[in-house]
Amino acid sequence: MWLIPLSKADVERAVRRAYSIATEHAKKVGARVEQIAPKHLYGEKAESYGYSLALGRMSPPLPDASLVVIWGFYNADEYFDYVRFAEGGRVVEWFVEPVAYYPEKTAVWADEPLVLHSGFAIETHTTASEQRDRVYGWPLGFISSPKQAPAPVRSPRKMRQRRQEGGEQQ
């Protein structure tokens, strides 16, 4: 994984590519596209963390059929050691680049954007000696999440039982 600072001309192309991946997915599953926000990664705990990443391992509470497309990273924490993105038990990306040293503290993936499906995990680590619960870094990208939660799948057997029970009561 290589990163390029925001001052480079390739940045606009990378962001457009990420957005097009998110919108293509949204069209397929009937979803909306938004920028990644704390509500997507933390759910109800979003206000307590804001735009910072919790230390340790977490799995964002995203609805099924969601897609996350990360095009870059913001890092304002000099002790931010690494972040790993894992999906299905394997590490998809392991980010260790010192973005905090770029003047704008933001960088863009030089390759294709990182595409993750619902159920992925984020693991963060810091080298700070004091006790902390977060690092001041944030993934930049888009999320394509369904407008409605998918309907639960009912087994035909349960549906037949309900019909039979309804018919006996009448």
N, C-alpha and C. Protein backbone atom coordinates (compact mmCIF):
# COMPACT_ATOMS: atom_id res chain seq x y z
N MET A 1 0.85 -1.18 0.00
CA MET A 1 0.00 0.00 0.00
C MET A 1 0.88 1.23 0.00
N TRP A 2 0.73 2.05 -0.97
CA TRP A 2 1.44 3.32 -1.03
C TRP A 2 0.43 4.44 -0.94
N LEU A 3 0.85 5.52 -0.34
CA LEU A 3 -0.03 6.68 -0.19
C LEU A 3 0.57 7.88 -0.88
N ILE A 4 -0.29 8.76 -1.38
CA ILE A 4 0.18 10.00 -1.99
C ILE A 4 -0.49 11.16 -1.26
N PRO A 5 0.23 12.26 -1.04
CA PRO A 5 -0.39 13.41 -0.35
C PRO A 5 -1.45 14.08 -1.21
N LEU A 6 -2.32 14.83 -0.56
CA LEU A 6 -3.42 15.50 -1.26
C LEU A 6 -2.96 16.49 -2.32
N SER A 7 -1.74 16.96 -2.21
CA SER A 7 -1.26 17.97 -3.14
C SER A 7 -0.99 17.41 -4.54
N LYS A 8 -0.99 16.12 -4.71
CA LYS A 8 -0.72 15.51 -6.02
C LYS A 8 -1.96 15.51 -6.91
N ALA A 9 -1.75 15.51 -8.22
CA ALA A 9 -2.84 15.59 -9.19
C ALA A 9 -3.65 14.30 -9.26
N ASP A 10 -3.09 13.17 -8.87
CA ASP A 10 -3.78 11.88 -8.97
C ASP A 10 -4.91 11.73 -7.94
N VAL A 11 -4.98 12.62 -6.99
CA VAL A 11 -5.95 12.49 -5.92
C VAL A 11 -7.38 12.54 -6.44
N GLU A 12 -7.69 13.46 -7.31
CA GLU A 12 -9.05 13.60 -7.82
C GLU A 12 -9.50 12.33 -8.54
N ARG A 13 -8.61 11.73 -9.30
CA ARG A 13 -8.93 10.48 -10.00
C ARG A 13 -9.24 9.37 -9.01
N ALA A 14 -8.47 9.28 -7.94
CA ALA A 14 -8.67 8.23 -6.93
C ALA A 14 -10.01 8.39 -6.22
N VAL A 15 -10.37 9.63 -5.89
CA VAL A 15 -11.63 9.88 -5.19
C VAL A 15 -12.81 9.59 -6.12
N ARG A 16 -12.70 9.99 -7.37
CA ARG A 16 -13.77 9.70 -8.34
C ARG A 16 -13.95 8.21 -8.54
N ARG A 17 -12.85 7.49 -8.59
CA ARG A 17 -12.92 6.02 -8.75
C ARG A 17 -13.64 5.40 -7.56
N ALA A 18 -13.32 5.83 -6.35
CA ALA A 18 -13.97 5.30 -5.15
C ALA A 18 -15.46 5.61 -5.16
N TYR A 19 -15.82 6.82 -5.55
CA TYR A 19 -17.23 7.21 -5.59
C TYR A 19 -17.99 6.39 -6.63
N SER A 20 -17.37 6.14 -7.78
CA SER A 20 -18.06 5.36 -8.81
C SER A 20 -18.29 3.92 -8.35
N ILE A 21 -17.35 3.34 -7.62
CA ILE A 21 -17.53 1.98 -7.09
C ILE A 21 -18.71 1.97 -6.12
N ALA A 22 -18.78 2.97 -5.24
CA ALA A 22 -19.87 3.04 -4.25
C ALA A 22 -21.22 3.25 -4.93
N THR A 23 -21.28 4.11 -5.95
CA THR A 23 -22.56 4.36 -6.61
C THR A 23 -23.02 3.17 -7.45
N GLU A 24 -22.08 2.46 -8.07
CA GLU A 24 -22.45 1.25 -8.81
C GLU A 24 -23.09 0.23 -7.89
N HIS A 25 -22.50 0.04 -6.72
CA HIS A 25 -23.06 -0.90 -5.75
C HIS A 25 -24.43 -0.42 -5.27
N ALA A 26 -24.55 0.87 -5.04
CA ALA A 26 -25.82 1.43 -4.56
C ALA A 26 -26.95 1.18 -5.56
N LYS A 27 -26.65 1.31 -6.84
CA LYS A 27 -27.67 1.07 -7.87
C LYS A 27 -28.11 -0.39 -7.88
N LYS A 28 -27.17 -1.30 -7.65
CA LYS A 28 -27.48 -2.73 -7.68
C LYS A 28 -28.39 -3.15 -6.53
N VAL A 29 -28.14 -2.61 -5.32
CA VAL A 29 -28.87 -3.08 -4.14
C VAL A 29 -29.89 -2.08 -3.61
N GLY A 30 -30.08 -0.97 -4.29
CA GLY A 30 -31.04 0.03 -3.82
C GLY A 30 -30.55 0.69 -2.55
N ALA A 31 -29.38 1.28 -2.62
CA ALA A 31 -28.75 1.86 -1.44
C ALA A 31 -28.50 3.35 -1.65
N ARG A 32 -28.04 4.00 -0.61
CA ARG A 32 -27.64 5.40 -0.69
C ARG A 32 -26.14 5.47 -0.44
N VAL A 33 -25.49 6.49 -0.99
CA VAL A 33 -24.05 6.67 -0.82
C VAL A 33 -23.83 7.89 0.07
N GLU A 34 -23.00 7.71 1.10
CA GLU A 34 -22.66 8.78 2.03
C GLU A 34 -21.16 8.73 2.30
N GLN A 35 -20.62 9.82 2.81
CA GLN A 35 -19.23 9.80 3.27
C GLN A 35 -19.18 9.02 4.58
N ILE A 36 -18.07 8.34 4.82
CA ILE A 36 -17.93 7.58 6.06
C ILE A 36 -17.99 8.55 7.23
N ALA A 37 -18.88 8.28 8.17
CA ALA A 37 -19.08 9.12 9.34
C ALA A 37 -19.04 8.25 10.60
N PRO A 38 -18.88 8.86 11.76
CA PRO A 38 -18.86 8.07 13.00
C PRO A 38 -20.08 7.18 13.19
N LYS A 39 -21.26 7.61 12.73
CA LYS A 39 -22.46 6.79 12.89
C LYS A 39 -22.33 5.45 12.16
N HIS A 40 -21.55 5.41 11.09
CA HIS A 40 -21.37 4.16 10.35
C HIS A 40 -20.45 3.19 11.08
N LEU A 41 -19.41 3.70 11.70
CA LEU A 41 -18.44 2.82 12.37
C LEU A 41 -18.80 2.48 13.81
N TYR A 42 -19.53 3.38 14.49
CA TYR A 42 -19.81 3.17 15.92
C TYR A 42 -21.28 2.98 16.26
N GLY A 43 -22.17 3.28 15.37
CA GLY A 43 -23.60 3.15 15.67
C GLY A 43 -24.00 4.14 16.75
N GLU A 44 -24.55 3.65 17.84
CA GLU A 44 -25.04 4.49 18.93
C GLU A 44 -23.91 5.17 19.72
N LYS A 45 -22.70 4.65 19.66
CA LYS A 45 -21.57 5.22 20.40
C LYS A 45 -20.85 6.32 19.61
N ALA A 46 -21.41 6.75 18.51
CA ALA A 46 -20.75 7.70 17.60
C ALA A 46 -20.39 9.01 18.29
N GLU A 47 -21.25 9.54 19.13
CA GLU A 47 -20.97 10.82 19.77
C GLU A 47 -19.79 10.77 20.72
N SER A 48 -19.55 9.64 21.35
CA SER A 48 -18.45 9.56 22.30
C SER A 48 -17.08 9.47 21.62
N TYR A 49 -17.03 9.03 20.36
CA TYR A 49 -15.75 8.93 19.66
C TYR A 49 -15.55 10.01 18.60
N GLY A 50 -16.59 10.41 17.93
CA GLY A 50 -16.44 11.40 16.86
C GLY A 50 -15.56 10.84 15.76
N TYR A 51 -14.81 11.74 15.11
CA TYR A 51 -13.93 11.33 14.01
C TYR A 51 -12.56 10.91 14.53
N SER A 52 -12.54 9.88 15.37
CA SER A 52 -11.31 9.25 15.84
C SER A 52 -11.58 7.75 15.90
N LEU A 53 -10.54 6.95 15.80
CA LEU A 53 -10.70 5.50 15.79
C LEU A 53 -10.43 4.92 17.17
N ALA A 54 -11.33 4.07 17.63
CA ALA A 54 -11.15 3.39 18.90
C ALA A 54 -9.97 2.43 18.80
N LEU A 55 -9.20 2.35 19.89
CA LEU A 55 -8.09 1.40 19.92
C LEU A 55 -8.61 -0.02 20.05
N GLY A 56 -7.88 -0.96 19.50
CA GLY A 56 -8.28 -2.35 19.56
C GLY A 56 -9.01 -2.76 18.29
N ARG A 57 -9.77 -3.82 18.43
CA ARG A 57 -10.49 -4.38 17.27
C ARG A 57 -11.98 -4.08 17.40
N MET A 58 -12.58 -3.64 16.30
CA MET A 58 -14.02 -3.40 16.30
C MET A 58 -14.60 -3.80 14.95
N SER A 59 -15.86 -4.18 14.98
CA SER A 59 -16.59 -4.49 13.76
C SER A 59 -17.74 -3.49 13.65
N PRO A 60 -17.71 -2.64 12.65
CA PRO A 60 -18.77 -1.64 12.50
C PRO A 60 -20.15 -2.29 12.35
N PRO A 61 -21.17 -1.72 13.01
CA PRO A 61 -22.52 -2.29 12.95
C PRO A 61 -23.26 -1.87 11.68
N LEU A 62 -22.81 -2.37 10.56
CA LEU A 62 -23.41 -2.01 9.27
C LEU A 62 -24.47 -3.02 8.87
N PRO A 63 -25.53 -2.56 8.20
CA PRO A 63 -26.54 -3.51 7.71
C PRO A 63 -25.95 -4.42 6.63
N ASP A 64 -26.57 -5.59 6.48
CA ASP A 64 -26.15 -6.51 5.42
C ASP A 64 -26.24 -5.79 4.08
N ALA A 65 -25.44 -6.18 3.14
CA ALA A 65 -25.39 -5.63 1.79
C ALA A 65 -24.76 -4.24 1.75
N SER A 66 -24.09 -3.82 2.83
CA SER A 66 -23.38 -2.54 2.83
C SER A 66 -22.01 -2.73 2.20
N LEU A 67 -21.50 -1.65 1.63
CA LEU A 67 -20.18 -1.66 1.03
C LEU A 67 -19.45 -0.40 1.46
N VAL A 68 -18.21 -0.55 1.91
CA VAL A 68 -17.39 0.59 2.32
C VAL A 68 -16.23 0.69 1.33
N VAL A 69 -16.04 1.89 0.78
CA VAL A 69 -14.97 2.13 -0.18
C VAL A 69 -14.08 3.22 0.39
N ILE A 70 -12.86 2.85 0.78
CA ILE A 70 -11.93 3.79 1.41
C ILE A 70 -10.93 4.25 0.37
N TRP A 71 -10.84 5.57 0.18
CA TRP A 71 -9.91 6.12 -0.80
C TRP A 71 -8.69 6.76 -0.16
N GLY A 72 -8.72 7.01 1.14
CA GLY A 72 -7.59 7.66 1.78
C GLY A 72 -7.68 7.60 3.29
N PHE A 73 -6.78 8.36 3.91
CA PHE A 73 -6.71 8.33 5.37
C PHE A 73 -6.28 9.69 5.91
N TYR A 74 -6.88 10.07 7.03
CA TYR A 74 -6.49 11.29 7.74
C TYR A 74 -5.83 10.85 9.03
N ASN A 75 -4.69 11.44 9.38
CA ASN A 75 -3.99 11.08 10.60
C ASN A 75 -3.38 12.32 11.23
N ALA A 76 -3.83 12.66 12.42
CA ALA A 76 -3.28 13.79 13.16
C ALA A 76 -2.65 13.32 14.46
N ASP A 77 -2.32 12.05 14.55
CA ASP A 77 -1.79 11.45 15.78
C ASP A 77 -0.39 10.90 15.51
N GLU A 78 0.61 11.52 16.10
CA GLU A 78 1.98 11.07 15.83
C GLU A 78 2.29 9.70 16.45
N TYR A 79 1.45 9.24 17.36
CA TYR A 79 1.67 7.92 17.99
C TYR A 79 0.82 6.82 17.36
N PHE A 80 0.07 7.16 16.35
CA PHE A 80 -0.76 6.18 15.65
C PHE A 80 0.18 5.20 14.95
N ASP A 81 0.20 3.97 15.41
CA ASP A 81 1.15 2.98 14.91
C ASP A 81 0.65 2.29 13.65
N TYR A 82 -0.53 1.68 13.71
CA TYR A 82 -1.05 1.02 12.52
C TYR A 82 -2.56 0.83 12.61
N VAL A 83 -3.16 0.56 11.48
CA VAL A 83 -4.56 0.15 11.39
C VAL A 83 -4.62 -1.01 10.40
N ARG A 84 -5.37 -2.03 10.79
CA ARG A 84 -5.57 -3.20 9.93
C ARG A 84 -7.05 -3.26 9.56
N PHE A 85 -7.31 -3.61 8.34
CA PHE A 85 -8.67 -3.86 7.88
C PHE A 85 -8.75 -5.35 7.57
N ALA A 86 -9.64 -6.06 8.24
CA ALA A 86 -9.78 -7.51 8.04
C ALA A 86 -11.20 -7.82 7.59
N GLU A 87 -11.29 -8.81 6.72
CA GLU A 87 -12.59 -9.24 6.20
C GLU A 87 -12.57 -10.74 6.05
N GLY A 88 -13.55 -11.40 6.66
CA GLY A 88 -13.64 -12.85 6.53
C GLY A 88 -12.45 -13.57 7.14
N GLY A 89 -11.87 -13.05 8.20
CA GLY A 89 -10.76 -13.72 8.87
C GLY A 89 -9.39 -13.47 8.25
N ARG A 90 -9.31 -12.68 7.19
CA ARG A 90 -7.99 -12.40 6.60
C ARG A 90 -7.76 -10.89 6.56
N VAL A 91 -6.51 -10.50 6.70
CA VAL A 91 -6.16 -9.09 6.67
C VAL A 91 -6.18 -8.62 5.22
N VAL A 92 -7.00 -7.62 4.94
CA VAL A 92 -7.12 -7.08 3.59
C VAL A 92 -6.09 -5.98 3.38
N GLU A 93 -5.90 -5.16 4.40
CA GLU A 93 -4.93 -4.06 4.32
C GLU A 93 -4.35 -3.81 5.70
N TRP A 94 -3.06 -3.51 5.71
CA TRP A 94 -2.36 -3.20 6.95
C TRP A 94 -1.63 -1.90 6.70
N PHE A 95 -2.14 -0.83 7.27
CA PHE A 95 -1.68 0.52 6.96
C PHE A 95 -0.72 1.01 8.05
N VAL A 96 0.52 1.33 7.68
CA VAL A 96 1.52 1.79 8.64
C VAL A 96 2.22 3.08 8.19
N GLU A 97 1.75 3.68 7.14
CA GLU A 97 2.40 4.87 6.59
C GLU A 97 2.24 6.07 7.55
N PRO A 98 3.30 6.85 7.79
CA PRO A 98 3.19 8.00 8.72
C PRO A 98 2.53 9.22 8.09
N VAL A 99 1.23 9.15 7.89
CA VAL A 99 0.49 10.25 7.27
C VAL A 99 0.58 11.50 8.13
N ALA A 100 0.78 11.36 9.42
CA ALA A 100 0.83 12.52 10.33
C ALA A 100 1.96 13.47 9.93
N TYR A 101 2.95 12.99 9.19
CA TYR A 101 4.08 13.85 8.81
C TYR A 101 3.84 14.61 7.51
N TYR A 102 2.76 14.28 6.76
CA TYR A 102 2.43 15.06 5.58
C TYR A 102 1.89 16.41 6.05
N PRO A 103 2.17 17.49 5.35
CA PRO A 103 1.69 18.80 5.80
C PRO A 103 0.17 18.86 5.97
N GLU A 104 -0.59 18.22 5.08
CA GLU A 104 -2.05 18.27 5.19
C GLU A 104 -2.61 17.13 6.04
N LYS A 105 -1.75 16.23 6.52
CA LYS A 105 -2.12 15.09 7.36
C LYS A 105 -3.15 14.16 6.71
N THR A 106 -3.24 14.23 5.40
CA THR A 106 -4.18 13.40 4.67
C THR A 106 -3.46 12.80 3.47
N ALA A 107 -3.77 11.55 3.17
CA ALA A 107 -3.16 10.89 2.02
C ALA A 107 -4.19 10.01 1.35
N VAL A 108 -3.91 9.65 0.11
CA VAL A 108 -4.81 8.86 -0.71
C VAL A 108 -4.09 7.59 -1.13
N TRP A 109 -4.82 6.45 -1.18
CA TRP A 109 -4.21 5.21 -1.65
C TRP A 109 -3.75 5.44 -3.09
N ALA A 110 -2.55 5.05 -3.40
CA ALA A 110 -2.02 5.20 -4.76
C ALA A 110 -2.60 4.14 -5.70
N ASP A 111 -2.99 3.00 -5.14
CA ASP A 111 -3.59 1.93 -5.94
C ASP A 111 -5.10 2.11 -5.98
N GLU A 112 -5.78 1.03 -6.23
CA GLU A 112 -7.25 1.03 -6.21
C GLU A 112 -7.74 1.31 -4.79
N PRO A 113 -8.95 1.87 -4.64
CA PRO A 113 -9.49 2.08 -3.31
C PRO A 113 -9.72 0.74 -2.60
N LEU A 114 -9.76 0.80 -1.30
CA LEU A 114 -9.99 -0.39 -0.48
C LEU A 114 -11.49 -0.62 -0.39
N VAL A 115 -11.96 -1.78 -0.82
CA VAL A 115 -13.39 -2.09 -0.84
C VAL A 115 -13.66 -3.18 0.20
N LEU A 116 -14.56 -2.87 1.15
CA LEU A 116 -14.88 -3.80 2.23
C LEU A 116 -16.39 -4.00 2.28
N HIS A 117 -16.81 -5.22 2.59
CA HIS A 117 -18.22 -5.54 2.71
C HIS A 117 -18.62 -5.55 4.18
N SER A 118 -19.93 -5.45 4.46
CA SER A 118 -20.38 -5.47 5.85
C SER A 118 -19.83 -6.71 6.54
N GLY A 119 -19.52 -6.58 7.81
CA GLY A 119 -18.92 -7.68 8.56
C GLY A 119 -17.41 -7.57 8.66
N PHE A 120 -16.81 -6.52 8.13
CA PHE A 120 -15.36 -6.36 8.22
C PHE A 120 -14.98 -5.85 9.61
N ALA A 121 -13.70 -5.90 9.92
CA ALA A 121 -13.20 -5.44 11.23
C ALA A 121 -12.06 -4.45 11.02
N ILE A 122 -11.93 -3.53 11.97
CA ILE A 122 -10.85 -2.56 11.99
C ILE A 122 -10.08 -2.76 13.29
N GLU A 123 -8.77 -2.84 13.19
CA GLU A 123 -7.93 -2.97 14.38
C GLU A 123 -6.91 -1.83 14.37
N THR A 124 -6.84 -1.08 15.47
CA THR A 124 -5.91 0.04 15.55
C THR A 124 -4.96 -0.16 16.73
N HIS A 125 -3.79 0.47 16.62
CA HIS A 125 -2.76 0.35 17.66
C HIS A 125 -2.02 1.67 17.77
N THR A 126 -1.54 1.97 18.96
CA THR A 126 -0.77 3.19 19.18
C THR A 126 0.52 2.86 19.92
N THR A 127 1.51 3.72 19.79
CA THR A 127 2.77 3.56 20.53
C THR A 127 2.84 4.52 21.71
N ALA A 128 1.77 5.26 21.98
CA ALA A 128 1.76 6.22 23.09
C ALA A 128 1.89 5.49 24.41
N SER A 129 2.62 6.10 25.34
CA SER A 129 2.82 5.46 26.64
C SER A 129 1.66 5.72 27.60
N GLU A 130 0.93 6.83 27.42
CA GLU A 130 -0.20 7.10 28.31
C GLU A 130 -1.42 6.26 27.92
N GLN A 131 -2.31 6.07 28.86
CA GLN A 131 -3.52 5.29 28.61
C GLN A 131 -4.47 6.11 27.74
N ARG A 132 -4.89 5.53 26.64
CA ARG A 132 -5.81 6.19 25.72
C ARG A 132 -6.83 5.17 25.24
N ASP A 133 -7.93 5.67 24.71
CA ASP A 133 -8.93 4.77 24.17
C ASP A 133 -9.13 4.98 22.67
N ARG A 134 -8.34 5.91 22.07
CA ARG A 134 -8.52 6.22 20.65
C ARG A 134 -7.25 6.77 20.03
N VAL A 135 -7.24 6.78 18.72
CA VAL A 135 -6.19 7.45 17.96
C VAL A 135 -6.89 8.49 17.09
N TYR A 136 -6.19 9.56 16.78
CA TYR A 136 -6.77 10.64 16.02
C TYR A 136 -6.46 10.47 14.53
N GLY A 137 -7.11 9.50 13.96
CA GLY A 137 -7.02 9.20 12.55
C GLY A 137 -8.39 8.75 12.07
N TRP A 138 -8.62 8.84 10.77
CA TRP A 138 -9.94 8.49 10.25
C TRP A 138 -9.83 8.04 8.80
N PRO A 139 -10.53 6.94 8.43
CA PRO A 139 -10.55 6.52 7.03
C PRO A 139 -11.43 7.47 6.22
N LEU A 140 -11.00 7.81 5.03
CA LEU A 140 -11.75 8.69 4.14
C LEU A 140 -12.34 7.86 3.02
N GLY A 141 -13.61 8.01 2.80
CA GLY A 141 -14.24 7.23 1.75
C GLY A 141 -15.74 7.34 1.77
N PHE A 142 -16.36 6.37 1.16
CA PHE A 142 -17.81 6.36 0.99
C PHE A 142 -18.38 5.05 1.49
N ILE A 143 -19.63 5.12 1.91
CA ILE A 143 -20.35 3.92 2.30
C ILE A 143 -21.62 3.84 1.49
N SER A 144 -21.90 2.68 0.99
CA SER A 144 -23.13 2.42 0.27
C SER A 144 -23.94 1.48 1.14
N SER A 145 -25.00 2.02 1.78
CA SER A 145 -25.80 1.19 2.68
C SER A 145 -27.25 1.17 2.21
N PRO A 146 -27.90 0.02 2.37
CA PRO A 146 -29.28 -0.11 1.91
C PRO A 146 -30.20 0.92 2.55
N LYS A 147 -31.18 1.38 1.77
CA LYS A 147 -32.15 2.35 2.28
C LYS A 147 -33.06 1.71 3.30
N GLN A 148 -33.32 0.43 3.14
CA GLN A 148 -34.12 -0.33 4.09
C GLN A 148 -33.35 -1.57 4.48
N ALA A 149 -33.58 -2.01 5.70
CA ALA A 149 -32.96 -3.27 6.11
C ALA A 149 -33.62 -4.39 5.32
N PRO A 150 -32.84 -5.40 4.91
CA PRO A 150 -33.45 -6.50 4.16
C PRO A 150 -34.50 -7.21 5.01
N ALA A 151 -35.58 -7.66 4.39
CA ALA A 151 -36.63 -8.38 5.09
C ALA A 151 -36.11 -9.71 5.58
N PRO A 152 -36.51 -10.11 6.78
CA PRO A 152 -36.05 -11.41 7.28
C PRO A 152 -36.59 -12.54 6.41
N VAL A 153 -35.80 -13.54 6.22
CA VAL A 153 -36.20 -14.68 5.41
C VAL A 153 -36.95 -15.66 6.30
N ARG A 154 -38.16 -15.99 5.90
CA ARG A 154 -38.98 -16.93 6.67
C ARG A 154 -38.95 -18.27 5.97
N SER A 155 -38.93 -19.29 6.78
CA SER A 155 -38.94 -20.62 6.18
C SER A 155 -40.37 -20.97 5.77
N PRO A 156 -40.55 -21.69 4.69
CA PRO A 156 -41.89 -22.06 4.23
C PRO A 156 -42.65 -22.88 5.29
N ARG A 157 -41.94 -23.66 6.09
CA ARG A 157 -42.58 -24.49 7.11
C ARG A 157 -43.28 -23.62 8.15
N LYS A 158 -42.63 -22.56 8.61
CA LYS A 158 -43.24 -21.67 9.60
C LYS A 158 -44.44 -20.94 9.02
N MET A 159 -44.35 -20.56 7.75
CA MET A 159 -45.47 -19.87 7.11
C MET A 159 -46.67 -20.80 7.01
N ARG A 160 -46.45 -22.08 6.67
CA ARG A 160 -47.54 -23.05 6.60
C ARG A 160 -48.17 -23.27 7.97
N GLN A 161 -47.33 -23.35 9.01
CA GLN A 161 -47.83 -23.55 10.36
C GLN A 161 -48.71 -22.38 10.78
N ARG A 162 -48.31 -21.17 10.46
CA ARG A 162 -49.11 -19.99 10.81
C ARG A 162 -50.45 -20.01 10.09
N ARG A 163 -50.45 -20.39 8.84
CA ARG A 163 -51.71 -20.47 8.08
C ARG A 163 -52.64 -21.51 8.69
N GLN A 164 -52.08 -22.68 9.06
CA GLN A 164 -52.89 -23.73 9.64
C GLN A 164 -53.45 -23.32 10.98
N GLU A 165 -52.62 -22.66 11.81
CA GLU A 165 -53.09 -22.20 13.11
C GLU A 165 -54.17 -21.14 12.95
N GLY A 166 -54.01 -20.27 11.98
CA GLY A 166 -55.01 -19.24 11.71
C GLY A 166 -56.33 -19.85 11.25
N GLY A 167 -56.26 -20.91 10.46
CA GLY A 167 -57.47 -21.58 9.95
C GLY A 167 -58.21 -22.33 11.04
N GLU A 168 -57.50 -22.89 12.02
CA GLU A 168 -58.13 -23.65 13.10
C GLU A 168 -58.85 -22.73 14.08
N GLN A 169 -58.36 -21.53 14.25
CA GLN A 169 -58.95 -20.62 15.23
C GLN A 169 -60.27 -20.04 14.73
N GLN A 170 -60.48 -19.99 13.44
CA GLN A 170 -61.69 -19.36 12.90
C GLN A 170 -62.92 -20.19 13.06
